[in-house]
Amino acid sequence: MKLYHYQPFRSCRCLWLITELQALSDIQVIYLDPLSKDKDLVTSYKSKTHPHGTVPALEIEGQDTILESGAICLYLAELYERCLPESGHRKNYYNWILYATSTLDSVLELLFEQWYHTPEGDKDNEKINAAIEKFNVFAAYFSKFMKRRDYVCGGRFTAADCVLGYDIWWASQMRDGVLLAGFPVVKTYLDKLRQRYPFQRTFSNVSV
Protein backbone atom coordinates (compact mmCIF):
# COMPACT_ATOMS: atom_id res chain seq x y z
CA MET A 1 0.00 0.00 0.00
CA LYS A 2 1.03 3.61 -0.61
CA LEU A 3 -0.22 6.61 1.33
CA TYR A 4 0.15 9.99 -0.37
CA HIS A 5 0.70 12.51 2.39
CA TYR A 6 1.63 16.14 2.91
CA GLN A 7 1.69 18.15 6.12
CA PRO A 8 -0.40 19.72 7.57
CA PHE A 9 -3.24 18.43 5.39
CA ARG A 10 -5.84 15.84 6.42
CA SER A 11 -3.52 13.03 5.42
CA CYS A 12 -1.98 13.64 8.88
CA ARG A 13 -4.87 11.79 10.46
CA CYS A 14 -4.08 8.78 8.27
CA LEU A 15 -0.35 8.83 9.05
CA TRP A 16 -1.15 9.16 12.73
CA LEU A 17 -3.39 6.08 12.61
CA ILE A 18 -0.82 4.11 10.60
CA THR A 19 1.69 4.87 13.36
CA GLU A 20 -0.82 3.80 16.03
CA LEU A 21 -1.35 0.55 14.10
CA GLN A 22 2.42 -0.01 13.95
CA ALA A 23 2.00 -0.38 10.19
CA LEU A 24 4.71 2.00 8.97
CA SER A 25 6.73 -0.93 7.66
CA ASP A 26 3.75 -2.13 5.59
CA ILE A 27 2.70 1.13 4.00
CA GLN A 28 4.95 3.32 1.87
CA VAL A 29 4.43 6.99 2.73
CA ILE A 30 4.89 9.20 -0.31
CA TYR A 31 5.22 12.91 0.40
CA LEU A 32 3.44 14.84 -2.32
CA ASP A 33 2.68 18.56 -2.25
CA PRO A 34 -0.69 19.01 -3.99
CA LEU A 35 0.21 22.68 -4.50
CA SER A 36 3.56 21.86 -6.10
CA LYS A 37 4.75 24.05 -8.95
CA ASP A 38 5.82 20.87 -10.71
CA LYS A 39 2.85 20.70 -13.07
CA ASP A 40 3.92 17.37 -14.56
CA LEU A 41 3.98 15.78 -11.12
CA VAL A 42 0.54 17.12 -10.20
CA THR A 43 -0.93 16.16 -13.59
CA SER A 44 0.41 12.63 -13.30
CA TYR A 45 -0.96 12.30 -9.76
CA LYS A 46 -4.38 13.49 -10.92
CA SER A 47 -4.51 11.10 -13.84
CA LYS A 48 -3.17 8.05 -12.03
CA THR A 49 -4.19 8.40 -8.40
CA HIS A 50 -6.51 11.21 -7.27
CA PRO A 51 -8.80 12.99 -9.76
CA HIS A 52 -8.83 16.17 -7.64
CA GLY A 53 -5.09 16.16 -7.03
CA THR A 54 -5.46 16.42 -3.26
CA VAL A 55 -4.14 14.28 -0.39
CA PRO A 56 -4.56 11.79 1.10
CA ALA A 57 -4.90 8.84 -1.22
CA LEU A 58 -4.28 5.22 -0.31
CA GLU A 59 -3.23 3.04 -3.22
CA ILE A 60 -3.79 -0.68 -2.68
CA GLU A 61 -2.18 -3.03 -5.14
CA GLY A 62 -4.80 -4.73 -7.30
CA GLN A 63 -7.66 -2.76 -5.73
CA ASP A 64 -9.37 0.60 -6.06
CA THR A 65 -7.68 3.62 -4.49
CA ILE A 66 -9.29 5.10 -1.37
CA LEU A 67 -9.49 8.89 -1.56
CA GLU A 68 -11.13 10.11 1.66
CA SER A 69 -9.17 10.39 4.90
CA GLY A 70 -12.06 9.10 7.00
CA ALA A 71 -12.55 6.11 4.71
CA ILE A 72 -8.83 5.36 4.79
CA CYS A 73 -8.87 5.35 8.59
CA LEU A 74 -11.95 3.13 8.74
CA TYR A 75 -10.42 0.70 6.24
CA LEU A 76 -7.03 0.46 7.94
CA ALA A 77 -8.46 -0.01 11.43
CA GLU A 78 -10.59 -2.89 10.17
CA LEU A 79 -7.73 -4.34 8.13
CA TYR A 80 -5.37 -4.44 11.11
CA GLU A 81 -8.14 -5.16 13.62
CA ARG A 82 -6.80 -2.49 15.94
CA CYS A 83 -7.98 0.93 17.13
CA LEU A 84 -11.54 -0.36 16.84
CA PRO A 85 -14.36 0.36 19.32
CA GLU A 86 -15.99 -2.14 21.63
CA SER A 87 -19.45 -3.12 20.40
CA GLY A 88 -21.26 -0.75 22.75
CA HIS A 89 -19.38 2.26 21.37
CA ARG A 90 -19.70 1.52 17.66
CA LYS A 91 -22.41 4.12 17.04
CA ASN A 92 -20.23 6.87 18.54
CA TYR A 93 -17.28 5.63 16.51
CA TYR A 94 -19.08 6.06 13.20
CA ASN A 95 -20.93 9.19 14.27
CA TRP A 96 -17.85 11.20 15.22
CA ILE A 97 -15.76 10.05 12.26
CA LEU A 98 -18.47 11.13 9.83
CA TYR A 99 -19.23 14.30 11.78
CA ALA A 100 -15.57 15.31 11.59
CA THR A 101 -15.25 14.67 7.86
CA SER A 102 -18.64 15.99 6.75
CA THR A 103 -19.16 18.94 9.12
CA LEU A 104 -16.13 19.99 11.13
CA ASP A 105 -13.63 19.76 8.26
CA SER A 106 -15.59 22.30 6.23
CA VAL A 107 -15.89 24.71 9.18
CA LEU A 108 -12.14 24.69 9.80
CA GLU A 109 -11.33 24.84 6.10
CA LEU A 110 -13.38 28.01 5.74
CA LEU A 111 -11.66 29.63 8.72
CA PHE A 112 -8.23 28.56 7.50
CA GLU A 113 -8.91 29.98 4.05
CA GLN A 114 -10.29 33.26 5.40
CA TRP A 115 -7.68 33.80 8.11
CA TYR A 116 -4.57 32.71 6.24
CA HIS A 117 -5.18 32.93 2.51
CA THR A 118 -7.62 35.81 2.03
CA PRO A 119 -6.32 39.41 1.79
CA GLU A 120 -7.42 41.57 4.71
CA GLY A 121 -9.73 43.70 2.61
CA ASP A 122 -11.43 40.66 1.11
CA LYS A 123 -12.18 38.75 4.31
CA ASP A 124 -15.86 37.89 4.78
CA ASN A 125 -16.50 38.57 8.47
CA GLU A 126 -20.05 37.26 8.23
CA LYS A 127 -18.79 33.88 7.05
CA ILE A 128 -16.01 33.89 9.63
CA ASN A 129 -18.39 34.62 12.50
CA ALA A 130 -20.86 31.98 11.32
CA ALA A 131 -18.06 29.40 11.15
CA ILE A 132 -16.80 30.33 14.62
CA GLU A 133 -20.33 29.97 15.99
CA LYS A 134 -20.66 26.56 14.36
CA PHE A 135 -17.35 25.49 15.88
CA ASN A 136 -18.52 26.74 19.28
CA VAL A 137 -21.65 24.61 18.98
CA PHE A 138 -19.46 21.59 18.26
CA ALA A 139 -17.06 22.34 21.11
CA ALA A 140 -19.88 22.76 23.63
CA TYR A 141 -21.58 19.57 22.50
CA PHE A 142 -18.34 17.61 22.44
CA SER A 143 -17.42 18.90 25.91
CA LYS A 144 -20.70 17.54 27.27
CA PHE A 145 -20.20 14.25 25.43
CA MET A 146 -16.64 13.78 26.71
CA LYS A 147 -17.41 14.10 30.41
CA ARG A 148 -16.28 10.92 32.15
CA ARG A 149 -14.65 9.69 28.91
CA ASP A 150 -10.95 9.47 28.10
CA TYR A 151 -11.47 8.97 24.36
CA VAL A 152 -14.34 9.18 21.89
CA CYS A 153 -15.20 5.53 22.49
CA GLY A 154 -14.83 5.53 26.25
CA GLY A 155 -11.57 4.20 27.66
CA ARG A 156 -10.24 2.79 24.39
CA PHE A 157 -8.30 4.81 21.82
CA THR A 158 -9.74 4.26 18.33
CA ALA A 159 -9.45 5.54 14.78
CA ALA A 160 -12.19 8.03 15.67
CA ASP A 161 -9.70 9.84 17.89
CA CYS A 162 -7.32 10.18 14.94
CA VAL A 163 -10.03 11.57 12.67
CA LEU A 164 -11.66 13.97 15.14
CA GLY A 165 -8.43 14.62 17.03
CA TYR A 166 -6.83 15.95 13.87
CA ASP A 167 -9.54 18.61 13.61
CA ILE A 168 -9.09 19.64 17.22
CA TRP A 169 -5.33 19.85 16.70
CA TRP A 170 -5.96 21.95 13.55
CA ALA A 171 -8.25 24.28 15.50
CA SER A 172 -5.60 24.66 18.21
CA GLN A 173 -3.06 25.80 15.61
CA MET A 174 -5.13 28.67 14.24
CA ARG A 175 -4.92 32.15 15.75
CA ASP A 176 -3.02 30.95 18.83
CA GLY A 177 -5.76 28.50 19.77
CA VAL A 178 -8.52 31.09 20.06
CA LEU A 179 -11.12 28.54 18.96
CA LEU A 180 -10.46 26.37 22.00
CA ALA A 181 -10.60 29.24 24.49
CA GLY A 182 -13.39 28.60 26.96
CA PHE A 183 -13.51 24.86 26.28
CA PRO A 184 -11.26 23.23 28.92
CA VAL A 185 -12.67 19.73 28.32
CA VAL A 186 -11.66 19.91 24.65
CA LYS A 187 -8.21 21.16 25.63
CA THR A 188 -7.82 18.32 28.14
CA TYR A 189 -8.77 15.81 25.46
CA LEU A 190 -6.18 17.29 23.09
CA ASP A 191 -3.56 17.20 25.83
CA LYS A 192 -4.28 13.49 26.31
CA LEU A 193 -3.79 12.90 22.59
CA ARG A 194 -0.54 14.89 22.61
CA GLN A 195 0.89 12.46 25.18
CA ARG A 196 0.72 9.58 22.70
CA TYR A 197 3.97 8.82 20.89
CA PRO A 198 2.26 8.32 17.46
CA PHE A 199 0.73 11.80 17.81
CA GLN A 200 4.11 13.29 18.69
CA ARG A 201 5.78 11.52 15.78
CA THR A 202 3.13 12.73 13.33
CA PHE A 203 2.79 16.34 14.45
CA SER A 204 6.29 17.16 15.63
CA ASN A 205 7.31 20.46 14.02
CA VAL A 206 4.03 20.61 12.07
CA SER A 207 2.04 23.86 12.00
CA VAL A 208 -0.59 25.39 9.78
C-alpha atoms as a PDB file:
ATOM      1  CA  MET A   1       0.000   0.000   0.000  1.00  0.00           C
ATOM      2  CA  LYS A   2       1.026   3.605  -0.607  1.00  0.00           C
ATOM      3  CA  LEU A   3      -0.221   6.615   1.334  1.00  0.00           C
ATOM      4  CA  TYR A   4       0.149   9.992  -0.369  1.00  0.00           C
ATOM      5  CA  HIS A   5       0.702  12.506   2.390  1.00  0.00           C
ATOM      6  CA  TYR A   6       1.629  16.142   2.914  1.00  0.00           C
ATOM      7  CA  GLN A   7       1.685  18.149   6.119  1.00  0.00           C
ATOM      8  CA  PRO A   8      -0.396  19.725   7.565  1.00  0.00           C
ATOM      9  CA  PHE A   9      -3.243  18.430   5.393  1.00  0.00           C
ATOM     10  CA  ARG A  10      -5.841  15.838   6.421  1.00  0.00           C
ATOM     11  CA  SER A  11      -3.521  13.029   5.422  1.00  0.00           C
ATOM     12  CA  CYS A  12      -1.979  13.636   8.876  1.00  0.00           C
ATOM     13  CA  ARG A  13      -4.874  11.790  10.465  1.00  0.00           C
ATOM     14  CA  CYS A  14      -4.083   8.777   8.267  1.00  0.00           C
ATOM     15  CA  LEU A  15      -0.345   8.833   9.045  1.00  0.00           C
ATOM     16  CA  TRP A  16      -1.150   9.158  12.731  1.00  0.00           C
ATOM     17  CA  LEU A  17      -3.390   6.081  12.607  1.00  0.00           C
ATOM     18  CA  ILE A  18      -0.816   4.111  10.605  1.00  0.00           C
ATOM     19  CA  THR A  19       1.694   4.868  13.362  1.00  0.00           C
ATOM     20  CA  GLU A  20      -0.815   3.798  16.029  1.00  0.00           C
ATOM     21  CA  LEU A  21      -1.350   0.555  14.104  1.00  0.00           C
ATOM     22  CA  GLN A  22       2.418  -0.015  13.945  1.00  0.00           C
ATOM     23  CA  ALA A  23       2.002  -0.383  10.192  1.00  0.00           C
ATOM     24  CA  LEU A  24       4.710   2.000   8.975  1.00  0.00           C
ATOM     25  CA  SER A  25       6.734  -0.931   7.661  1.00  0.00           C
ATOM     26  CA  ASP A  26       3.751  -2.135   5.595  1.00  0.00           C
ATOM     27  CA  ILE A  27       2.700   1.135   3.995  1.00  0.00           C
ATOM     28  CA  GLN A  28       4.945   3.322   1.868  1.00  0.00           C
ATOM     29  CA  VAL A  29       4.429   6.986   2.727  1.00  0.00           C
ATOM     30  CA  ILE A  30       4.889   9.196  -0.315  1.00  0.00           C
ATOM     31  CA  TYR A  31       5.218  12.912   0.395  1.00  0.00           C
ATOM     32  CA  LEU A  32       3.441  14.842  -2.320  1.00  0.00           C
ATOM     33  CA  ASP A  33       2.682  18.559  -2.247  1.00  0.00           C
ATOM     34  CA  PRO A  34      -0.690  19.006  -3.994  1.00  0.00           C
ATOM     35  CA  LEU A  35       0.212  22.677  -4.504  1.00  0.00           C
ATOM     36  CA  SER A  36       3.564  21.864  -6.098  1.00  0.00           C
ATOM     37  CA  LYS A  37       4.749  24.054  -8.946  1.00  0.00           C
ATOM     38  CA  ASP A  38       5.822  20.868 -10.714  1.00  0.00           C
ATOM     39  CA  LYS A  39       2.848  20.698 -13.068  1.00  0.00           C
ATOM     40  CA  ASP A  40       3.916  17.374 -14.557  1.00  0.00           C
ATOM     41  CA  LEU A  41       3.983  15.779 -11.117  1.00  0.00           C
ATOM     42  CA  VAL A  42       0.539  17.119 -10.204  1.00  0.00           C
ATOM     43  CA  THR A  43      -0.931  16.160 -13.588  1.00  0.00           C
ATOM     44  CA  SER A  44       0.414  12.633 -13.298  1.00  0.00           C
ATOM     45  CA  TYR A  45      -0.960  12.301  -9.759  1.00  0.00           C
ATOM     46  CA  LYS A  46      -4.383  13.494 -10.919  1.00  0.00           C
ATOM     47  CA  SER A  47      -4.514  11.103 -13.844  1.00  0.00           C
ATOM     48  CA  LYS A  48      -3.167   8.047 -12.034  1.00  0.00           C
ATOM     49  CA  THR A  49      -4.191   8.405  -8.398  1.00  0.00           C
ATOM     50  CA  HIS A  50      -6.505  11.207  -7.273  1.00  0.00           C
ATOM     51  CA  PRO A  51      -8.804  12.988  -9.760  1.00  0.00           C
ATOM     52  CA  HIS A  52      -8.832  16.167  -7.644  1.00  0.00           C
ATOM     53  CA  GLY A  53      -5.094  16.163  -7.033  1.00  0.00           C
ATOM     54  CA  THR A  54      -5.464  16.417  -3.257  1.00  0.00           C
ATOM     55  CA  VAL A  55      -4.141  14.278  -0.392  1.00  0.00           C
ATOM     56  CA  PRO A  56      -4.563  11.790   1.097  1.00  0.00           C
ATOM     57  CA  ALA A  57      -4.898   8.844  -1.218  1.00  0.00           C
ATOM     58  CA  LEU A  58      -4.282   5.218  -0.314  1.00  0.00           C
ATOM     59  CA  GLU A  59      -3.227   3.036  -3.220  1.00  0.00           C
ATOM     60  CA  ILE A  60      -3.792  -0.677  -2.678  1.00  0.00           C
ATOM     61  CA  GLU A  61      -2.181  -3.034  -5.145  1.00  0.00           C
ATOM     62  CA  GLY A  62      -4.801  -4.729  -7.300  1.00  0.00           C
ATOM     63  CA  GLN A  63      -7.660  -2.765  -5.730  1.00  0.00           C
ATOM     64  CA  ASP A  64      -9.374   0.601  -6.061  1.00  0.00           C
ATOM     65  CA  THR A  65      -7.679   3.618  -4.489  1.00  0.00           C
ATOM     66  CA  ILE A  66      -9.289   5.097  -1.368  1.00  0.00           C
ATOM     67  CA  LEU A  67      -9.485   8.890  -1.560  1.00  0.00           C
ATOM     68  CA  GLU A  68     -11.130  10.107   1.657  1.00  0.00           C
ATOM     69  CA  SER A  69      -9.173  10.386   4.895  1.00  0.00           C
ATOM     70  CA  GLY A  70     -12.063   9.100   6.998  1.00  0.00           C
ATOM     71  CA  ALA A  71     -12.552   6.114   4.708  1.00  0.00           C
ATOM     72  CA  ILE A  72      -8.825   5.365   4.788  1.00  0.00           C
ATOM     73  CA  CYS A  73      -8.866   5.348   8.591  1.00  0.00           C
ATOM     74  CA  LEU A  74     -11.952   3.128   8.738  1.00  0.00           C
ATOM     75  CA  TYR A  75     -10.423   0.701   6.243  1.00  0.00           C
ATOM     76  CA  LEU A  76      -7.031   0.462   7.939  1.00  0.00           C
ATOM     77  CA  ALA A  77      -8.463  -0.007  11.435  1.00  0.00           C
ATOM     78  CA  GLU A  78     -10.594  -2.892  10.172  1.00  0.00           C
ATOM     79  CA  LEU A  79      -7.735  -4.340   8.126  1.00  0.00           C
ATOM     80  CA  TYR A  80      -5.373  -4.442  11.108  1.00  0.00           C
ATOM     81  CA  GLU A  81      -8.142  -5.158  13.623  1.00  0.00           C
ATOM     82  CA  ARG A  82      -6.803  -2.493  15.939  1.00  0.00           C
ATOM     83  CA  CYS A  83      -7.980   0.934  17.127  1.00  0.00           C
ATOM     84  CA  LEU A  84     -11.544  -0.362  16.838  1.00  0.00           C
ATOM     85  CA  PRO A  85     -14.362   0.356  19.323  1.00  0.00           C
ATOM     86  CA  GLU A  86     -15.990  -2.136  21.628  1.00  0.00           C
ATOM     87  CA  SER A  87     -19.450  -3.123  20.396  1.00  0.00           C
ATOM     88  CA  GLY A  88     -21.262  -0.755  22.753  1.00  0.00           C
ATOM     89  CA  HIS A  89     -19.377   2.265  21.374  1.00  0.00           C
ATOM     90  CA  ARG A  90     -19.695   1.515  17.661  1.00  0.00           C
ATOM     91  CA  LYS A  91     -22.408   4.119  17.036  1.00  0.00           C
ATOM     92  CA  ASN A  92     -20.232   6.873  18.541  1.00  0.00           C
ATOM     93  CA  TYR A  93     -17.276   5.627  16.508  1.00  0.00           C
ATOM     94  CA  TYR A  94     -19.075   6.063  13.199  1.00  0.00           C
ATOM     95  CA  ASN A  95     -20.929   9.188  14.274  1.00  0.00           C
ATOM     96  CA  TRP A  96     -17.847  11.203  15.218  1.00  0.00           C
ATOM     97  CA  ILE A  97     -15.763  10.053  12.262  1.00  0.00           C
ATOM     98  CA  LEU A  98     -18.469  11.133   9.830  1.00  0.00           C
ATOM     99  CA  TYR A  99     -19.225  14.304  11.778  1.00  0.00           C
ATOM    100  CA  ALA A 100     -15.572  15.312  11.591  1.00  0.00           C
ATOM    101  CA  THR A 101     -15.249  14.672   7.862  1.00  0.00           C
ATOM    102  CA  SER A 102     -18.638  15.992   6.753  1.00  0.00           C
ATOM    103  CA  THR A 103     -19.164  18.942   9.116  1.00  0.00           C
ATOM    104  CA  LEU A 104     -16.129  19.992  11.127  1.00  0.00           C
ATOM    105  CA  ASP A 105     -13.627  19.759   8.262  1.00  0.00           C
ATOM    106  CA  SER A 106     -15.591  22.299   6.230  1.00  0.00           C
ATOM    107  CA  VAL A 107     -15.892  24.707   9.182  1.00  0.00           C
ATOM    108  CA  LEU A 108     -12.144  24.687   9.799  1.00  0.00           C
ATOM    109  CA  GLU A 109     -11.327  24.836   6.096  1.00  0.00           C
ATOM    110  CA  LEU A 110     -13.381  28.014   5.736  1.00  0.00           C
ATOM    111  CA  LEU A 111     -11.665  29.633   8.718  1.00  0.00           C
ATOM    112  CA  PHE A 112      -8.234  28.559   7.497  1.00  0.00           C
ATOM    113  CA  GLU A 113      -8.911  29.981   4.051  1.00  0.00           C
ATOM    114  CA  GLN A 114     -10.288  33.265   5.401  1.00  0.00           C
ATOM    115  CA  TRP A 115      -7.683  33.797   8.112  1.00  0.00           C
ATOM    116  CA  TYR A 116      -4.567  32.706   6.245  1.00  0.00           C
ATOM    117  CA  HIS A 117      -5.179  32.926   2.507  1.00  0.00           C
ATOM    118  CA  THR A 118      -7.621  35.808   2.032  1.00  0.00           C
ATOM    119  CA  PRO A 119      -6.316  39.408   1.791  1.00  0.00           C
ATOM    120  CA  GLU A 120      -7.416  41.573   4.709  1.00  0.00           C
ATOM    121  CA  GLY A 121      -9.726  43.698   2.606  1.00  0.00           C
ATOM    122  CA  ASP A 122     -11.432  40.660   1.108  1.00  0.00           C
ATOM    123  CA  LYS A 123     -12.175  38.754   4.306  1.00  0.00           C
ATOM    124  CA  ASP A 124     -15.855  37.885   4.784  1.00  0.00           C
ATOM    125  CA  ASN A 125     -16.505  38.571   8.468  1.00  0.00           C
ATOM    126  CA  GLU A 126     -20.048  37.264   8.229  1.00  0.00           C
ATOM    127  CA  LYS A 127     -18.795  33.880   7.047  1.00  0.00           C
ATOM    128  CA  ILE A 128     -16.014  33.890   9.632  1.00  0.00           C
ATOM    129  CA  ASN A 129     -18.391  34.620  12.500  1.00  0.00           C
ATOM    130  CA  ALA A 130     -20.856  31.982  11.315  1.00  0.00           C
ATOM    131  CA  ALA A 131     -18.062  29.397  11.146  1.00  0.00           C
ATOM    132  CA  ILE A 132     -16.803  30.333  14.619  1.00  0.00           C
ATOM    133  CA  GLU A 133     -20.330  29.966  15.987  1.00  0.00           C
ATOM    134  CA  LYS A 134     -20.656  26.561  14.356  1.00  0.00           C
ATOM    135  CA  PHE A 135     -17.355  25.493  15.879  1.00  0.00           C
ATOM    136  CA  ASN A 136     -18.524  26.742  19.279  1.00  0.00           C
ATOM    137  CA  VAL A 137     -21.654  24.608  18.978  1.00  0.00           C
ATOM    138  CA  PHE A 138     -19.459  21.594  18.257  1.00  0.00           C
ATOM    139  CA  ALA A 139     -17.062  22.342  21.109  1.00  0.00           C
ATOM    140  CA  ALA A 140     -19.881  22.761  23.632  1.00  0.00           C
ATOM    141  CA  TYR A 141     -21.583  19.567  22.505  1.00  0.00           C
ATOM    142  CA  PHE A 142     -18.344  17.609  22.442  1.00  0.00           C
ATOM    143  CA  SER A 143     -17.419  18.900  25.909  1.00  0.00           C
ATOM    144  CA  LYS A 144     -20.699  17.545  27.274  1.00  0.00           C
ATOM    145  CA  PHE A 145     -20.198  14.248  25.430  1.00  0.00           C
ATOM    146  CA  MET A 146     -16.640  13.775  26.706  1.00  0.00           C
ATOM    147  CA  LYS A 147     -17.412  14.096  30.411  1.00  0.00           C
ATOM    148  CA  ARG A 148     -16.276  10.916  32.153  1.00  0.00           C
ATOM    149  CA  ARG A 149     -14.645   9.694  28.914  1.00  0.00           C
ATOM    150  CA  ASP A 150     -10.954   9.465  28.101  1.00  0.00           C
ATOM    151  CA  TYR A 151     -11.468   8.973  24.364  1.00  0.00           C
ATOM    152  CA  VAL A 152     -14.338   9.185  21.887  1.00  0.00           C
ATOM    153  CA  CYS A 153     -15.205   5.528  22.495  1.00  0.00           C
ATOM    154  CA  GLY A 154     -14.830   5.530  26.246  1.00  0.00           C
ATOM    155  CA  GLY A 155     -11.574   4.204  27.656  1.00  0.00           C
ATOM    156  CA  ARG A 156     -10.240   2.786  24.389  1.00  0.00           C
ATOM    157  CA  PHE A 157      -8.300   4.813  21.819  1.00  0.00           C
ATOM    158  CA  THR A 158      -9.744   4.255  18.328  1.00  0.00           C
ATOM    159  CA  ALA A 159      -9.454   5.540  14.777  1.00  0.00           C
ATOM    160  CA  ALA A 160     -12.195   8.034  15.668  1.00  0.00           C
ATOM    161  CA  ASP A 161      -9.698   9.835  17.891  1.00  0.00           C
ATOM    162  CA  CYS A 162      -7.318  10.180  14.939  1.00  0.00           C
ATOM    163  CA  VAL A 163     -10.025  11.566  12.673  1.00  0.00           C
ATOM    164  CA  LEU A 164     -11.657  13.970  15.138  1.00  0.00           C
ATOM    165  CA  GLY A 165      -8.429  14.625  17.030  1.00  0.00           C
ATOM    166  CA  TYR A 166      -6.834  15.953  13.866  1.00  0.00           C
ATOM    167  CA  ASP A 167      -9.544  18.610  13.606  1.00  0.00           C
ATOM    168  CA  ILE A 168      -9.086  19.641  17.217  1.00  0.00           C
ATOM    169  CA  TRP A 169      -5.333  19.855  16.697  1.00  0.00           C
ATOM    170  CA  TRP A 170      -5.963  21.946  13.553  1.00  0.00           C
ATOM    171  CA  ALA A 171      -8.252  24.275  15.504  1.00  0.00           C
ATOM    172  CA  SER A 172      -5.597  24.656  18.205  1.00  0.00           C
ATOM    173  CA  GLN A 173      -3.059  25.797  15.607  1.00  0.00           C
ATOM    174  CA  MET A 174      -5.132  28.671  14.236  1.00  0.00           C
ATOM    175  CA  ARG A 175      -4.921  32.152  15.752  1.00  0.00           C
ATOM    176  CA  ASP A 176      -3.020  30.950  18.831  1.00  0.00           C
ATOM    177  CA  GLY A 177      -5.761  28.503  19.771  1.00  0.00           C
ATOM    178  CA  VAL A 178      -8.519  31.091  20.064  1.00  0.00           C
ATOM    179  CA  LEU A 179     -11.116  28.544  18.957  1.00  0.00           C
ATOM    180  CA  LEU A 180     -10.456  26.375  22.000  1.00  0.00           C
ATOM    181  CA  ALA A 181     -10.599  29.239  24.487  1.00  0.00           C
ATOM    182  CA  GLY A 182     -13.389  28.595  26.959  1.00  0.00           C
ATOM    183  CA  PHE A 183     -13.511  24.857  26.279  1.00  0.00           C
ATOM    184  CA  PRO A 184     -11.265  23.229  28.918  1.00  0.00           C
ATOM    185  CA  VAL A 185     -12.674  19.733  28.318  1.00  0.00           C
ATOM    186  CA  VAL A 186     -11.663  19.906  24.648  1.00  0.00           C
ATOM    187  CA  LYS A 187      -8.209  21.160  25.633  1.00  0.00           C
ATOM    188  CA  THR A 188      -7.822  18.321  28.138  1.00  0.00           C
ATOM    189  CA  TYR A 189      -8.767  15.806  25.460  1.00  0.00           C
ATOM    190  CA  LEU A 190      -6.183  17.288  23.087  1.00  0.00           C
ATOM    191  CA  ASP A 191      -3.557  17.197  25.830  1.00  0.00           C
ATOM    192  CA  LYS A 192      -4.281  13.487  26.309  1.00  0.00           C
ATOM    193  CA  LEU A 193      -3.794  12.898  22.590  1.00  0.00           C
ATOM    194  CA  ARG A 194      -0.542  14.886  22.614  1.00  0.00           C
ATOM    195  CA  GLN A 195       0.885  12.458  25.180  1.00  0.00           C
ATOM    196  CA  ARG A 196       0.720   9.578  22.699  1.00  0.00           C
ATOM    197  CA  TYR A 197       3.966   8.816  20.888  1.00  0.00           C
ATOM    198  CA  PRO A 198       2.260   8.317  17.460  1.00  0.00           C
ATOM    199  CA  PHE A 199       0.726  11.798  17.809  1.00  0.00           C
ATOM    200  CA  GLN A 200       4.107  13.287  18.686  1.00  0.00           C
ATOM    201  CA  ARG A 201       5.782  11.523  15.776  1.00  0.00           C
ATOM    202  CA  THR A 202       3.133  12.728  13.334  1.00  0.00           C
ATOM    203  CA  PHE A 203       2.788  16.336  14.454  1.00  0.00           C
ATOM    204  CA  SER A 204       6.292  17.160  15.627  1.00  0.00           C
ATOM    205  CA  ASN A 205       7.312  20.464  14.018  1.00  0.00           C
ATOM    206  CA  VAL A 206       4.025  20.613  12.071  1.00  0.00           C
ATOM    207  CA  SER A 207       2.044  23.860  12.001  1.00  0.00           C
ATOM    208  CA  VAL A 208      -0.593  25.393   9.776  1.00  0.00           C
END
